């Protein structure tokens, strides 16, 4: 969930900083702005390494930063611009929003749905509460079976229409809750997979190695 606001903040920062810096390059003022964006990006990359260590349980070794290294200012600026890790950090921060949106949708869709299904036995019989499925138009299923018999095509076809369905009994409510349990377990496994990918991507873009880590599980 934290990846979404962070990714949004990074995207806004890079969009504004790079656009202003490139736009003012002709006036020379844009060059310091672009250098500041690169320097701040390396600092934000260090924050991301710390977050990955705390929340995902992986060690992301820092390849070093030209901003924190000692030396003349011009030499440090040159290392900042020519360091491949600087540009990898820039790409990582720019793509963090994609990971954030994916994680946010997965959490809000899967976990919220599973929790809602688990609470059905507690609320299905409350006055004014409707638990079920309602459609604007009936959903029609067309199950069919055909076989060839003596050069003839023989088969059976039927139509099943579902217009609405409401939970009105405790067994039905418990059945819905059982679906919520299965969905919740599947959701946690999916989120673990997203965490594993996020850890691998962070280590690839911000670290010194590319081995696939094993993050903490739920």
N, C-alpha and C. Protein backbone atom coordinates (compact mmCIF):
# COMPACT_ATOMS: atom_id res chain seq x y z
N UNK A 1 0.82 -1.20 0.00
CA UNK A 1 0.00 0.00 0.00
C UNK A 1 0.86 1.26 0.00
N UNK A 2 2.03 1.17 0.65
CA UNK A 2 2.93 2.32 0.73
C UNK A 2 3.52 2.66 -0.63
N UNK A 3 3.58 1.67 -1.52
CA UNK A 3 4.18 1.91 -2.85
C UNK A 3 3.34 2.89 -3.68
N UNK A 4 2.03 2.94 -3.42
CA UNK A 4 1.18 3.81 -4.23
C UNK A 4 1.43 5.30 -3.97
N UNK A 5 1.34 5.78 -2.70
CA UNK A 5 1.61 7.21 -2.49
C UNK A 5 3.06 7.58 -2.80
N UNK A 6 4.00 6.68 -2.49
CA UNK A 6 5.40 6.97 -2.81
C UNK A 6 5.61 7.07 -4.32
N UNK A 7 5.03 6.11 -5.05
CA UNK A 7 5.17 6.14 -6.51
C UNK A 7 4.54 7.38 -7.12
N UNK A 8 3.40 7.81 -6.57
CA UNK A 8 2.75 9.03 -7.06
C UNK A 8 3.62 10.25 -6.77
N UNK A 9 4.20 10.31 -5.58
CA UNK A 9 5.07 11.44 -5.22
C UNK A 9 6.31 11.47 -6.10
N UNK A 10 6.90 10.30 -6.34
CA UNK A 10 8.09 10.25 -7.20
C UNK A 10 7.75 10.69 -8.62
N UNK A 11 6.60 10.24 -9.12
CA UNK A 11 6.21 10.58 -10.49
C UNK A 11 6.01 12.09 -10.64
N UNK A 12 5.35 12.71 -9.66
CA UNK A 12 5.14 14.16 -9.71
C UNK A 12 6.47 14.89 -9.62
N UNK A 13 7.33 14.46 -8.72
CA UNK A 13 8.64 15.10 -8.55
C UNK A 13 9.45 15.03 -9.84
N UNK A 14 9.53 13.85 -10.45
CA UNK A 14 10.32 13.71 -11.67
C UNK A 14 9.68 14.47 -12.84
N UNK A 15 8.36 14.41 -12.94
CA UNK A 15 7.69 15.11 -14.04
C UNK A 15 7.93 16.61 -13.97
N UNK A 16 7.74 17.19 -12.78
CA UNK A 16 7.94 18.64 -12.63
C UNK A 16 9.41 19.00 -12.76
N UNK A 17 10.27 18.27 -12.05
CA UNK A 17 11.69 18.60 -12.06
C UNK A 17 12.33 18.49 -13.43
N UNK A 18 12.06 17.39 -14.12
CA UNK A 18 12.67 17.20 -15.43
C UNK A 18 12.10 18.15 -16.46
N UNK A 19 10.80 18.37 -16.42
CA UNK A 19 10.19 19.28 -17.41
C UNK A 19 10.69 20.72 -17.22
N UNK A 20 10.76 21.16 -15.95
CA UNK A 20 11.27 22.52 -15.68
C UNK A 20 12.75 22.61 -16.04
N UNK A 21 13.51 21.60 -15.67
CA UNK A 21 14.94 21.63 -15.96
C UNK A 21 15.24 21.63 -17.44
N UNK A 22 14.55 20.78 -18.19
CA UNK A 22 14.77 20.74 -19.64
C UNK A 22 14.29 22.03 -20.28
N UNK A 23 13.17 22.57 -19.79
CA UNK A 23 12.64 23.79 -20.37
C UNK A 23 13.53 25.00 -20.15
N UNK A 24 14.27 25.02 -19.04
CA UNK A 24 15.14 26.15 -18.74
C UNK A 24 16.60 25.89 -19.09
N UNK A 25 16.86 24.80 -19.80
CA UNK A 25 18.25 24.51 -20.16
C UNK A 25 18.85 25.59 -21.02
N UNK A 26 18.05 26.14 -21.91
CA UNK A 26 18.55 27.20 -22.80
C UNK A 26 19.02 28.40 -21.97
N UNK A 27 18.33 28.67 -20.87
CA UNK A 27 18.69 29.80 -20.02
C UNK A 27 19.75 29.43 -18.99
N UNK A 28 20.35 28.26 -19.12
CA UNK A 28 21.41 27.76 -18.25
C UNK A 28 20.90 27.42 -16.85
N UNK A 29 19.84 28.08 -16.41
CA UNK A 29 19.29 27.81 -15.08
C UNK A 29 18.81 26.37 -14.96
N UNK A 30 18.41 25.78 -16.08
CA UNK A 30 17.87 24.42 -16.04
C UNK A 30 18.89 23.37 -15.69
N UNK A 31 20.17 23.63 -15.97
CA UNK A 31 21.21 22.63 -15.69
C UNK A 31 21.33 22.35 -14.20
N UNK A 32 21.42 23.38 -13.32
CA UNK A 32 21.44 23.09 -11.88
C UNK A 32 20.18 22.37 -11.40
N UNK A 33 19.05 22.68 -12.01
CA UNK A 33 17.80 22.02 -11.62
C UNK A 33 17.87 20.53 -11.96
N UNK A 34 18.37 20.21 -13.16
CA UNK A 34 18.50 18.81 -13.56
C UNK A 34 19.49 18.07 -12.66
N UNK A 35 20.59 18.73 -12.32
CA UNK A 35 21.55 18.11 -11.41
C UNK A 35 20.94 17.88 -10.04
N UNK A 36 20.12 18.83 -9.59
CA UNK A 36 19.44 18.67 -8.30
C UNK A 36 18.47 17.49 -8.34
N UNK A 37 17.78 17.32 -9.46
CA UNK A 37 16.85 16.19 -9.61
C UNK A 37 17.62 14.88 -9.52
N UNK A 38 18.77 14.80 -10.18
CA UNK A 38 19.57 13.58 -10.13
C UNK A 38 20.08 13.32 -8.72
N UNK A 39 20.55 14.37 -8.05
CA UNK A 39 21.08 14.20 -6.70
C UNK A 39 19.98 13.76 -5.74
N UNK A 40 18.81 14.39 -5.82
CA UNK A 40 17.70 14.02 -4.94
C UNK A 40 17.22 12.60 -5.25
N UNK A 41 17.28 12.21 -6.51
CA UNK A 41 16.87 10.85 -6.90
C UNK A 41 17.76 9.80 -6.25
N UNK A 42 19.06 10.07 -6.19
CA UNK A 42 19.95 9.12 -5.52
C UNK A 42 19.65 9.05 -4.02
N UNK A 43 19.27 10.17 -3.42
CA UNK A 43 18.87 10.15 -2.02
C UNK A 43 17.58 9.37 -1.80
N UNK A 44 16.61 9.56 -2.70
CA UNK A 44 15.36 8.80 -2.60
C UNK A 44 15.60 7.31 -2.82
N UNK A 45 16.58 6.98 -3.66
CA UNK A 45 16.93 5.57 -3.86
C UNK A 45 17.43 4.95 -2.55
N UNK A 46 18.18 5.72 -1.76
CA UNK A 46 18.62 5.22 -0.46
C UNK A 46 17.44 4.97 0.47
N UNK A 47 16.43 5.84 0.39
CA UNK A 47 15.22 5.63 1.18
C UNK A 47 14.51 4.36 0.76
N UNK A 48 14.46 4.11 -0.54
CA UNK A 48 13.82 2.90 -1.04
C UNK A 48 14.58 1.65 -0.60
N UNK A 49 15.89 1.72 -0.54
CA UNK A 49 16.66 0.57 -0.04
C UNK A 49 16.32 0.28 1.41
N UNK A 50 16.19 1.34 2.20
CA UNK A 50 15.84 1.15 3.61
C UNK A 50 14.44 0.57 3.77
N UNK A 51 13.50 1.05 2.95
CA UNK A 51 12.13 0.53 3.01
C UNK A 51 12.09 -0.94 2.64
N UNK A 52 12.85 -1.31 1.59
CA UNK A 52 12.89 -2.72 1.18
C UNK A 52 13.48 -3.59 2.28
N UNK A 53 14.46 -3.08 2.99
CA UNK A 53 15.07 -3.85 4.07
C UNK A 53 14.09 -4.05 5.22
N UNK A 54 13.35 -3.01 5.57
CA UNK A 54 12.44 -3.09 6.71
C UNK A 54 11.17 -3.87 6.38
N UNK A 55 10.55 -3.58 5.25
CA UNK A 55 9.24 -4.15 4.93
C UNK A 55 9.32 -5.46 4.15
N UNK A 56 10.35 -5.65 3.34
CA UNK A 56 10.45 -6.86 2.53
C UNK A 56 11.50 -7.83 3.05
N UNK A 57 12.30 -7.39 4.02
CA UNK A 57 13.26 -8.30 4.62
C UNK A 57 14.42 -8.68 3.73
N UNK A 58 14.83 -7.81 2.82
CA UNK A 58 15.96 -8.09 1.93
C UNK A 58 17.01 -7.00 2.12
N UNK A 59 18.25 -7.38 1.96
CA UNK A 59 19.35 -6.44 2.04
C UNK A 59 19.70 -5.96 0.64
N UNK A 60 19.57 -4.67 0.42
CA UNK A 60 19.90 -4.07 -0.88
C UNK A 60 21.18 -3.26 -0.68
N UNK A 61 22.28 -3.81 -1.16
CA UNK A 61 23.57 -3.14 -0.99
C UNK A 61 23.66 -1.93 -1.89
N UNK A 62 24.08 -0.82 -1.33
CA UNK A 62 24.20 0.41 -2.10
C UNK A 62 25.46 0.39 -2.95
N UNK A 63 25.37 0.72 -4.23
CA UNK A 63 26.56 0.76 -5.08
C UNK A 63 27.41 2.00 -4.86
N UNK A 64 27.00 2.87 -3.93
CA UNK A 64 27.72 4.12 -3.69
C UNK A 64 27.05 5.28 -4.39
N UNK A 65 27.26 6.48 -3.89
CA UNK A 65 26.64 7.67 -4.45
C UNK A 65 27.68 8.75 -4.66
N UNK A 66 27.63 9.37 -5.81
CA UNK A 66 28.56 10.47 -6.10
C UNK A 66 28.26 11.69 -5.26
N UNK A 67 27.06 11.79 -4.71
CA UNK A 67 26.69 12.95 -3.91
C UNK A 67 27.38 12.91 -2.56
N UNK A 68 27.45 11.71 -1.96
CA UNK A 68 28.03 11.59 -0.62
C UNK A 68 29.54 11.42 -0.65
N UNK A 69 30.12 11.09 -1.79
CA UNK A 69 31.56 10.90 -1.87
C UNK A 69 32.27 12.24 -1.79
N UNK A 70 33.49 12.20 -1.27
CA UNK A 70 34.28 13.42 -1.14
C UNK A 70 34.99 13.74 -2.45
N UNK A 71 35.44 14.98 -2.58
CA UNK A 71 36.16 15.40 -3.77
C UNK A 71 35.69 16.75 -4.24
N UNK A 72 36.36 17.29 -5.24
CA UNK A 72 35.94 18.58 -5.80
C UNK A 72 34.51 18.51 -6.34
N UNK A 73 33.85 19.65 -6.34
CA UNK A 73 32.45 19.71 -6.76
C UNK A 73 32.29 19.25 -8.20
N UNK A 74 33.15 19.73 -9.09
CA UNK A 74 33.04 19.36 -10.51
C UNK A 74 33.25 17.86 -10.70
N UNK A 75 34.17 17.28 -9.93
CA UNK A 75 34.41 15.85 -10.03
C UNK A 75 33.19 15.05 -9.55
N UNK A 76 32.57 15.53 -8.48
CA UNK A 76 31.39 14.85 -7.96
C UNK A 76 30.22 14.98 -8.93
N UNK A 77 30.07 16.14 -9.57
CA UNK A 77 29.02 16.33 -10.57
C UNK A 77 29.25 15.40 -11.75
N UNK A 78 30.50 15.26 -12.15
CA UNK A 78 30.81 14.37 -13.27
C UNK A 78 30.47 12.93 -12.93
N UNK A 79 30.81 12.49 -11.72
CA UNK A 79 30.49 11.13 -11.31
C UNK A 79 28.98 10.93 -11.21
N UNK A 80 28.28 11.98 -10.76
CA UNK A 80 26.82 11.89 -10.65
C UNK A 80 26.18 11.67 -12.01
N UNK A 81 26.65 12.39 -13.01
CA UNK A 81 26.04 12.32 -14.34
C UNK A 81 26.44 11.04 -15.07
N UNK A 82 27.67 10.62 -14.89
CA UNK A 82 28.17 9.46 -15.64
C UNK A 82 27.93 8.14 -14.93
N UNK A 83 27.51 8.17 -13.67
CA UNK A 83 27.28 6.93 -12.93
C UNK A 83 26.01 6.25 -13.44
N UNK A 84 26.15 4.99 -13.82
CA UNK A 84 25.01 4.24 -14.34
C UNK A 84 23.94 4.05 -13.27
N UNK A 85 24.38 3.96 -12.00
CA UNK A 85 23.43 3.79 -10.91
C UNK A 85 22.50 4.97 -10.74
N UNK A 86 22.96 6.17 -11.09
CA UNK A 86 22.10 7.35 -11.00
C UNK A 86 20.91 7.21 -11.93
N UNK A 87 21.16 6.78 -13.14
CA UNK A 87 20.09 6.66 -14.13
C UNK A 87 19.18 5.47 -13.83
N UNK A 88 19.74 4.42 -13.26
CA UNK A 88 18.90 3.29 -12.82
C UNK A 88 17.96 3.74 -11.71
N UNK A 89 18.47 4.55 -10.79
CA UNK A 89 17.61 5.07 -9.72
C UNK A 89 16.51 5.95 -10.30
N UNK A 90 16.85 6.74 -11.31
CA UNK A 90 15.85 7.60 -11.94
C UNK A 90 14.75 6.77 -12.59
N UNK A 91 15.13 5.70 -13.29
CA UNK A 91 14.15 4.82 -13.92
C UNK A 91 13.31 4.12 -12.87
N UNK A 92 13.95 3.69 -11.80
CA UNK A 92 13.22 2.99 -10.73
C UNK A 92 12.15 3.89 -10.12
N UNK A 93 12.53 5.12 -9.80
CA UNK A 93 11.56 6.04 -9.20
C UNK A 93 10.42 6.35 -10.17
N UNK A 94 10.75 6.44 -11.46
CA UNK A 94 9.71 6.73 -12.45
C UNK A 94 8.74 5.59 -12.64
N UNK A 95 9.19 4.36 -12.44
CA UNK A 95 8.31 3.19 -12.63
C UNK A 95 7.70 2.71 -11.32
N UNK A 96 8.04 3.35 -10.22
CA UNK A 96 7.48 2.94 -8.93
C UNK A 96 5.96 3.10 -8.90
N UNK A 97 5.44 4.05 -9.67
CA UNK A 97 3.99 4.28 -9.69
C UNK A 97 3.26 3.07 -10.26
N UNK A 98 3.86 2.40 -11.25
CA UNK A 98 3.22 1.22 -11.83
C UNK A 98 3.07 0.12 -10.78
N UNK A 99 4.15 -0.11 -10.02
CA UNK A 99 4.08 -1.10 -8.95
C UNK A 99 3.07 -0.67 -7.89
N UNK A 100 3.04 0.62 -7.58
CA UNK A 100 2.12 1.11 -6.58
C UNK A 100 0.66 0.94 -6.98
N UNK A 101 0.35 1.28 -8.23
CA UNK A 101 -1.03 1.14 -8.70
C UNK A 101 -1.45 -0.33 -8.71
N UNK A 102 -0.54 -1.20 -9.18
CA UNK A 102 -0.84 -2.63 -9.20
C UNK A 102 -1.10 -3.16 -7.80
N UNK A 103 -0.26 -2.78 -6.85
CA UNK A 103 -0.42 -3.24 -5.47
C UNK A 103 -1.71 -2.68 -4.86
N UNK A 104 -2.00 -1.41 -5.11
CA UNK A 104 -3.19 -0.79 -4.55
C UNK A 104 -4.46 -1.47 -5.08
N UNK A 105 -4.49 -1.74 -6.38
CA UNK A 105 -5.66 -2.41 -6.96
C UNK A 105 -5.80 -3.83 -6.40
N UNK A 106 -4.66 -4.53 -6.26
CA UNK A 106 -4.72 -5.90 -5.74
C UNK A 106 -5.24 -5.91 -4.31
N UNK A 107 -4.76 -5.01 -3.47
CA UNK A 107 -5.19 -4.98 -2.07
C UNK A 107 -6.66 -4.59 -1.96
N UNK A 108 -7.04 -3.49 -2.62
CA UNK A 108 -8.40 -3.00 -2.48
C UNK A 108 -9.42 -3.93 -3.13
N UNK A 109 -9.02 -4.61 -4.18
CA UNK A 109 -9.97 -5.50 -4.86
C UNK A 109 -10.05 -6.86 -4.18
N UNK A 110 -8.92 -7.50 -3.96
CA UNK A 110 -8.93 -8.87 -3.46
C UNK A 110 -9.21 -8.94 -1.97
N UNK A 111 -8.43 -8.21 -1.17
CA UNK A 111 -8.60 -8.31 0.28
C UNK A 111 -9.93 -7.73 0.74
N UNK A 112 -10.32 -6.59 0.18
CA UNK A 112 -11.60 -5.99 0.58
C UNK A 112 -12.76 -6.91 0.21
N UNK A 113 -12.68 -7.53 -0.96
CA UNK A 113 -13.74 -8.45 -1.38
C UNK A 113 -13.80 -9.67 -0.47
N UNK A 114 -12.63 -10.24 -0.15
CA UNK A 114 -12.62 -11.43 0.71
C UNK A 114 -13.14 -11.11 2.11
N UNK A 115 -12.75 -9.97 2.67
CA UNK A 115 -13.26 -9.57 3.99
C UNK A 115 -14.77 -9.34 3.94
N UNK A 116 -15.24 -8.73 2.87
CA UNK A 116 -16.69 -8.52 2.73
C UNK A 116 -17.44 -9.84 2.70
N UNK A 117 -16.90 -10.82 2.00
CA UNK A 117 -17.55 -12.13 1.94
C UNK A 117 -17.54 -12.82 3.30
N UNK A 118 -16.49 -12.62 4.06
CA UNK A 118 -16.41 -13.24 5.39
C UNK A 118 -17.44 -12.67 6.36
N UNK A 119 -17.85 -11.44 6.16
CA UNK A 119 -18.81 -10.81 7.07
C UNK A 119 -20.26 -11.09 6.69
N UNK A 120 -20.50 -11.80 5.60
CA UNK A 120 -21.87 -12.07 5.15
C UNK A 120 -22.70 -12.79 6.22
N UNK A 121 -22.20 -13.83 6.92
CA UNK A 121 -23.03 -14.49 7.94
C UNK A 121 -23.47 -13.56 9.06
N UNK A 122 -22.79 -12.44 9.25
CA UNK A 122 -23.13 -11.52 10.33
C UNK A 122 -24.18 -10.48 9.94
N UNK A 123 -24.37 -10.27 8.64
CA UNK A 123 -25.23 -9.17 8.22
C UNK A 123 -26.34 -9.58 7.25
N UNK A 124 -26.34 -10.83 6.78
CA UNK A 124 -27.28 -11.18 5.71
C UNK A 124 -28.74 -11.07 6.13
N UNK A 125 -29.02 -11.27 7.44
CA UNK A 125 -30.41 -11.26 7.91
C UNK A 125 -30.79 -9.94 8.59
N UNK A 126 -29.97 -8.93 8.46
CA UNK A 126 -30.28 -7.64 9.07
C UNK A 126 -31.34 -6.91 8.23
N UNK A 127 -32.26 -6.19 8.87
CA UNK A 127 -33.30 -5.46 8.11
C UNK A 127 -32.66 -4.41 7.19
N UNK A 128 -33.16 -4.38 5.98
CA UNK A 128 -32.68 -3.40 5.02
C UNK A 128 -31.37 -3.75 4.35
N UNK A 129 -30.82 -4.95 4.64
CA UNK A 129 -29.54 -5.37 4.05
C UNK A 129 -29.82 -6.41 2.98
N UNK A 130 -29.25 -6.17 1.80
CA UNK A 130 -29.40 -7.12 0.69
C UNK A 130 -28.02 -7.65 0.35
N UNK A 131 -27.85 -8.94 0.46
CA UNK A 131 -26.59 -9.59 0.11
C UNK A 131 -26.87 -10.55 -1.03
N UNK A 132 -26.29 -10.28 -2.15
CA UNK A 132 -26.52 -11.13 -3.31
C UNK A 132 -25.99 -10.50 -4.57
N UNK A 133 -26.53 -10.94 -5.68
CA UNK A 133 -26.12 -10.47 -7.00
C UNK A 133 -27.33 -9.92 -7.72
N UNK A 134 -27.22 -8.71 -8.22
CA UNK A 134 -28.29 -8.07 -8.98
C UNK A 134 -27.70 -7.59 -10.30
N UNK A 135 -28.34 -7.91 -11.40
CA UNK A 135 -27.87 -7.50 -12.72
C UNK A 135 -28.93 -6.67 -13.42
N UNK A 136 -28.48 -5.77 -14.29
CA UNK A 136 -29.43 -4.97 -15.07
C UNK A 136 -30.19 -5.83 -16.07
N UNK A 137 -29.52 -6.84 -16.60
CA UNK A 137 -30.15 -7.77 -17.55
C UNK A 137 -29.75 -9.18 -17.14
N UNK A 138 -30.62 -10.15 -17.32
CA UNK A 138 -30.30 -11.53 -16.94
C UNK A 138 -29.04 -12.03 -17.63
N UNK A 139 -28.23 -12.75 -16.88
CA UNK A 139 -27.03 -13.39 -17.44
C UNK A 139 -27.43 -14.76 -17.96
N UNK A 140 -27.14 -15.04 -19.20
CA UNK A 140 -27.54 -16.29 -19.83
C UNK A 140 -26.32 -17.16 -20.12
N UNK A 141 -26.40 -18.41 -19.70
CA UNK A 141 -25.37 -19.40 -20.00
C UNK A 141 -25.95 -20.41 -20.98
N UNK A 142 -25.12 -20.85 -21.90
CA UNK A 142 -25.57 -21.79 -22.94
C UNK A 142 -24.73 -23.05 -22.91
N UNK A 143 -24.89 -23.89 -21.89
CA UNK A 143 -24.15 -25.16 -21.89
C UNK A 143 -24.68 -26.09 -22.97
N UNK A 144 -23.78 -26.74 -23.66
CA UNK A 144 -24.19 -27.63 -24.75
C UNK A 144 -23.20 -28.78 -24.87
N UNK A 145 -23.68 -29.88 -25.45
CA UNK A 145 -22.86 -31.07 -25.68
C UNK A 145 -23.28 -31.69 -27.00
N UNK A 146 -22.32 -31.90 -27.92
CA UNK A 146 -22.60 -32.48 -29.22
C UNK A 146 -21.63 -33.62 -29.48
N UNK A 147 -22.17 -34.70 -30.07
CA UNK A 147 -21.35 -35.85 -30.46
C UNK A 147 -21.75 -36.29 -31.87
N UNK A 148 -20.82 -36.90 -32.54
CA UNK A 148 -21.09 -37.41 -33.88
C UNK A 148 -21.48 -38.89 -33.77
N UNK A 149 -22.66 -39.23 -34.36
CA UNK A 149 -23.17 -40.60 -34.30
C UNK A 149 -23.71 -40.97 -35.68
N UNK A 150 -23.01 -41.92 -36.36
CA UNK A 150 -23.43 -42.36 -37.69
C UNK A 150 -23.63 -41.18 -38.64
N UNK A 151 -22.59 -40.37 -38.76
CA UNK A 151 -22.61 -39.20 -39.65
C UNK A 151 -23.66 -38.16 -39.27
N UNK A 152 -24.18 -38.29 -38.09
CA UNK A 152 -25.15 -37.31 -37.61
C UNK A 152 -24.56 -36.58 -36.40
N UNK A 153 -24.91 -35.31 -36.28
CA UNK A 153 -24.47 -34.51 -35.14
C UNK A 153 -25.61 -34.46 -34.13
N UNK A 154 -25.41 -35.17 -33.03
CA UNK A 154 -26.44 -35.27 -32.01
C UNK A 154 -25.95 -34.51 -30.76
N UNK A 155 -26.83 -33.70 -30.22
CA UNK A 155 -26.39 -32.93 -29.06
C UNK A 155 -27.55 -32.42 -28.24
N UNK A 156 -27.16 -31.84 -27.12
CA UNK A 156 -28.13 -31.25 -26.20
C UNK A 156 -27.66 -29.84 -25.88
N UNK A 157 -28.56 -28.90 -25.95
CA UNK A 157 -28.23 -27.51 -25.65
C UNK A 157 -29.33 -26.92 -24.79
N UNK A 158 -28.94 -26.18 -23.79
CA UNK A 158 -29.93 -25.56 -22.90
C UNK A 158 -29.48 -24.15 -22.56
N UNK A 159 -30.37 -23.41 -21.98
CA UNK A 159 -30.11 -22.02 -21.61
C UNK A 159 -30.44 -21.84 -20.13
N UNK A 160 -29.48 -21.29 -19.40
CA UNK A 160 -29.68 -21.01 -17.98
C UNK A 160 -29.58 -19.50 -17.78
N UNK A 161 -30.61 -18.92 -17.23
CA UNK A 161 -30.65 -17.47 -17.02
C UNK A 161 -30.56 -17.17 -15.52
N UNK A 162 -29.72 -16.22 -15.18
CA UNK A 162 -29.57 -15.78 -13.80
C UNK A 162 -29.85 -14.28 -13.76
N UNK A 163 -30.95 -13.91 -13.16
CA UNK A 163 -31.30 -12.50 -13.06
C UNK A 163 -30.86 -11.88 -11.76
N UNK A 164 -31.08 -12.57 -10.65
CA UNK A 164 -30.66 -12.09 -9.34
C UNK A 164 -30.55 -13.28 -8.40
N UNK A 165 -29.75 -13.08 -7.37
CA UNK A 165 -29.58 -14.13 -6.37
C UNK A 165 -29.32 -13.47 -5.03
N UNK A 166 -30.04 -13.88 -4.01
CA UNK A 166 -29.93 -13.25 -2.69
C UNK A 166 -29.65 -14.31 -1.63
N UNK A 167 -28.75 -13.97 -0.71
CA UNK A 167 -28.45 -14.84 0.42
C UNK A 167 -29.55 -14.65 1.46
N UNK A 168 -30.32 -15.71 1.73
CA UNK A 168 -31.44 -15.62 2.66
C UNK A 168 -31.35 -16.63 3.79
N UNK A 169 -30.44 -17.58 3.70
CA UNK A 169 -30.32 -18.61 4.74
C UNK A 169 -28.89 -18.63 5.27
N UNK A 170 -28.74 -19.18 6.48
CA UNK A 170 -27.42 -19.27 7.10
C UNK A 170 -26.48 -20.19 6.32
N UNK A 171 -26.92 -21.36 5.83
CA UNK A 171 -26.01 -22.19 5.03
C UNK A 171 -25.48 -21.46 3.79
N UNK A 172 -26.36 -20.70 3.13
CA UNK A 172 -25.90 -19.94 1.97
C UNK A 172 -24.88 -18.88 2.38
N UNK A 173 -25.14 -18.23 3.53
CA UNK A 173 -24.20 -17.22 4.01
C UNK A 173 -22.86 -17.84 4.38
N UNK A 174 -22.89 -19.02 5.00
CA UNK A 174 -21.64 -19.71 5.33
C UNK A 174 -20.90 -20.15 4.07
N UNK A 175 -21.66 -20.53 3.05
CA UNK A 175 -21.02 -20.88 1.78
C UNK A 175 -20.30 -19.69 1.16
N UNK A 176 -20.94 -18.52 1.22
CA UNK A 176 -20.30 -17.31 0.72
C UNK A 176 -19.04 -16.98 1.53
N UNK A 177 -19.14 -17.16 2.86
CA UNK A 177 -17.97 -16.92 3.71
C UNK A 177 -16.84 -17.89 3.38
N UNK A 178 -17.19 -19.13 3.03
CA UNK A 178 -16.15 -20.09 2.62
C UNK A 178 -15.44 -19.65 1.36
N UNK A 179 -16.20 -19.08 0.43
CA UNK A 179 -15.57 -18.51 -0.76
C UNK A 179 -14.63 -17.36 -0.37
N UNK A 180 -15.05 -16.57 0.64
CA UNK A 180 -14.20 -15.49 1.11
C UNK A 180 -12.89 -15.99 1.70
N UNK A 181 -12.94 -17.14 2.41
CA UNK A 181 -11.72 -17.72 2.97
C UNK A 181 -10.77 -18.13 1.84
N UNK A 182 -11.29 -18.81 0.84
CA UNK A 182 -10.45 -19.24 -0.29
C UNK A 182 -9.88 -18.04 -1.03
N UNK A 183 -10.72 -17.03 -1.25
CA UNK A 183 -10.25 -15.83 -1.93
C UNK A 183 -9.19 -15.11 -1.10
N UNK A 184 -9.37 -15.08 0.23
CA UNK A 184 -8.39 -14.43 1.10
C UNK A 184 -7.05 -15.13 1.05
N UNK A 185 -7.06 -16.46 1.09
CA UNK A 185 -5.80 -17.21 1.01
C UNK A 185 -5.12 -16.96 -0.33
N UNK A 186 -5.89 -17.01 -1.42
CA UNK A 186 -5.31 -16.75 -2.73
C UNK A 186 -4.78 -15.32 -2.83
N UNK A 187 -5.49 -14.39 -2.20
CA UNK A 187 -5.05 -12.99 -2.23
C UNK A 187 -3.72 -12.81 -1.52
N UNK A 188 -3.56 -13.46 -0.37
CA UNK A 188 -2.30 -13.34 0.37
C UNK A 188 -1.13 -13.93 -0.43
N UNK A 189 -1.38 -15.04 -1.11
CA UNK A 189 -0.33 -15.62 -1.95
C UNK A 189 0.03 -14.67 -3.09
N UNK A 190 -0.97 -14.04 -3.68
CA UNK A 190 -0.71 -13.10 -4.76
C UNK A 190 0.08 -11.90 -4.25
N UNK A 191 -0.28 -11.39 -3.08
CA UNK A 191 0.44 -10.26 -2.51
C UNK A 191 1.88 -10.64 -2.16
N UNK A 192 2.08 -11.88 -1.70
CA UNK A 192 3.44 -12.35 -1.47
C UNK A 192 4.23 -12.37 -2.78
N UNK A 193 3.57 -12.75 -3.85
CA UNK A 193 4.24 -12.73 -5.15
C UNK A 193 4.60 -11.32 -5.59
N UNK A 194 3.70 -10.37 -5.36
CA UNK A 194 3.99 -8.98 -5.67
C UNK A 194 5.14 -8.45 -4.81
N UNK A 195 5.16 -8.86 -3.54
CA UNK A 195 6.26 -8.44 -2.66
C UNK A 195 7.58 -9.01 -3.14
N UNK A 196 7.56 -10.25 -3.58
CA UNK A 196 8.78 -10.88 -4.09
C UNK A 196 9.27 -10.16 -5.35
N UNK A 197 8.36 -9.82 -6.23
CA UNK A 197 8.75 -9.09 -7.44
C UNK A 197 9.29 -7.70 -7.09
N UNK A 198 8.64 -7.02 -6.15
CA UNK A 198 9.10 -5.70 -5.75
C UNK A 198 10.49 -5.77 -5.14
N UNK A 199 10.74 -6.79 -4.32
CA UNK A 199 12.06 -6.96 -3.73
C UNK A 199 13.12 -7.23 -4.81
N UNK A 200 12.78 -8.09 -5.75
CA UNK A 200 13.71 -8.40 -6.84
C UNK A 200 13.99 -7.16 -7.70
N UNK A 201 12.96 -6.40 -8.00
CA UNK A 201 13.12 -5.22 -8.84
C UNK A 201 13.95 -4.15 -8.13
N UNK A 202 13.71 -3.99 -6.83
CA UNK A 202 14.49 -3.02 -6.06
C UNK A 202 15.95 -3.43 -6.01
N UNK A 203 16.22 -4.70 -5.79
CA UNK A 203 17.60 -5.18 -5.74
C UNK A 203 18.28 -5.06 -7.10
N UNK A 204 17.52 -5.27 -8.16
CA UNK A 204 18.08 -5.18 -9.51
C UNK A 204 18.44 -3.75 -9.87
N UNK A 205 17.55 -2.81 -9.56
CA UNK A 205 17.74 -1.43 -9.99
C UNK A 205 18.57 -0.60 -9.01
N UNK A 206 18.49 -0.91 -7.73
CA UNK A 206 19.15 -0.05 -6.74
C UNK A 206 20.31 -0.73 -6.02
N UNK A 207 20.50 -2.01 -6.25
CA UNK A 207 21.56 -2.73 -5.56
C UNK A 207 22.72 -3.08 -6.47
N UNK A 208 23.57 -3.96 -5.94
CA UNK A 208 24.75 -4.37 -6.70
C UNK A 208 24.61 -5.77 -7.27
N UNK A 209 23.56 -6.51 -6.84
CA UNK A 209 23.37 -7.87 -7.32
C UNK A 209 22.00 -8.02 -7.93
N UNK A 210 21.79 -9.14 -8.63
CA UNK A 210 20.52 -9.39 -9.28
C UNK A 210 19.90 -10.71 -8.85
N UNK A 211 20.44 -11.35 -7.78
CA UNK A 211 19.85 -12.60 -7.34
C UNK A 211 18.46 -12.34 -6.80
N UNK A 212 17.60 -13.33 -6.90
CA UNK A 212 16.22 -13.19 -6.48
C UNK A 212 16.12 -13.42 -4.97
N UNK A 213 15.70 -12.41 -4.21
CA UNK A 213 15.62 -12.57 -2.76
C UNK A 213 14.33 -13.24 -2.34
N UNK A 214 14.27 -13.65 -1.10
CA UNK A 214 13.06 -14.22 -0.52
C UNK A 214 12.56 -13.29 0.57
N UNK A 215 11.54 -12.47 0.30
CA UNK A 215 11.09 -11.51 1.30
C UNK A 215 10.29 -12.18 2.41
N UNK A 216 10.01 -11.42 3.44
CA UNK A 216 9.18 -11.92 4.53
C UNK A 216 7.79 -12.23 4.02
N UNK A 217 7.18 -13.26 4.61
CA UNK A 217 5.82 -13.62 4.22
C UNK A 217 4.85 -13.21 5.30
N UNK A 218 3.56 -13.32 4.94
CA UNK A 218 2.52 -12.92 5.89
C UNK A 218 2.57 -13.84 7.11
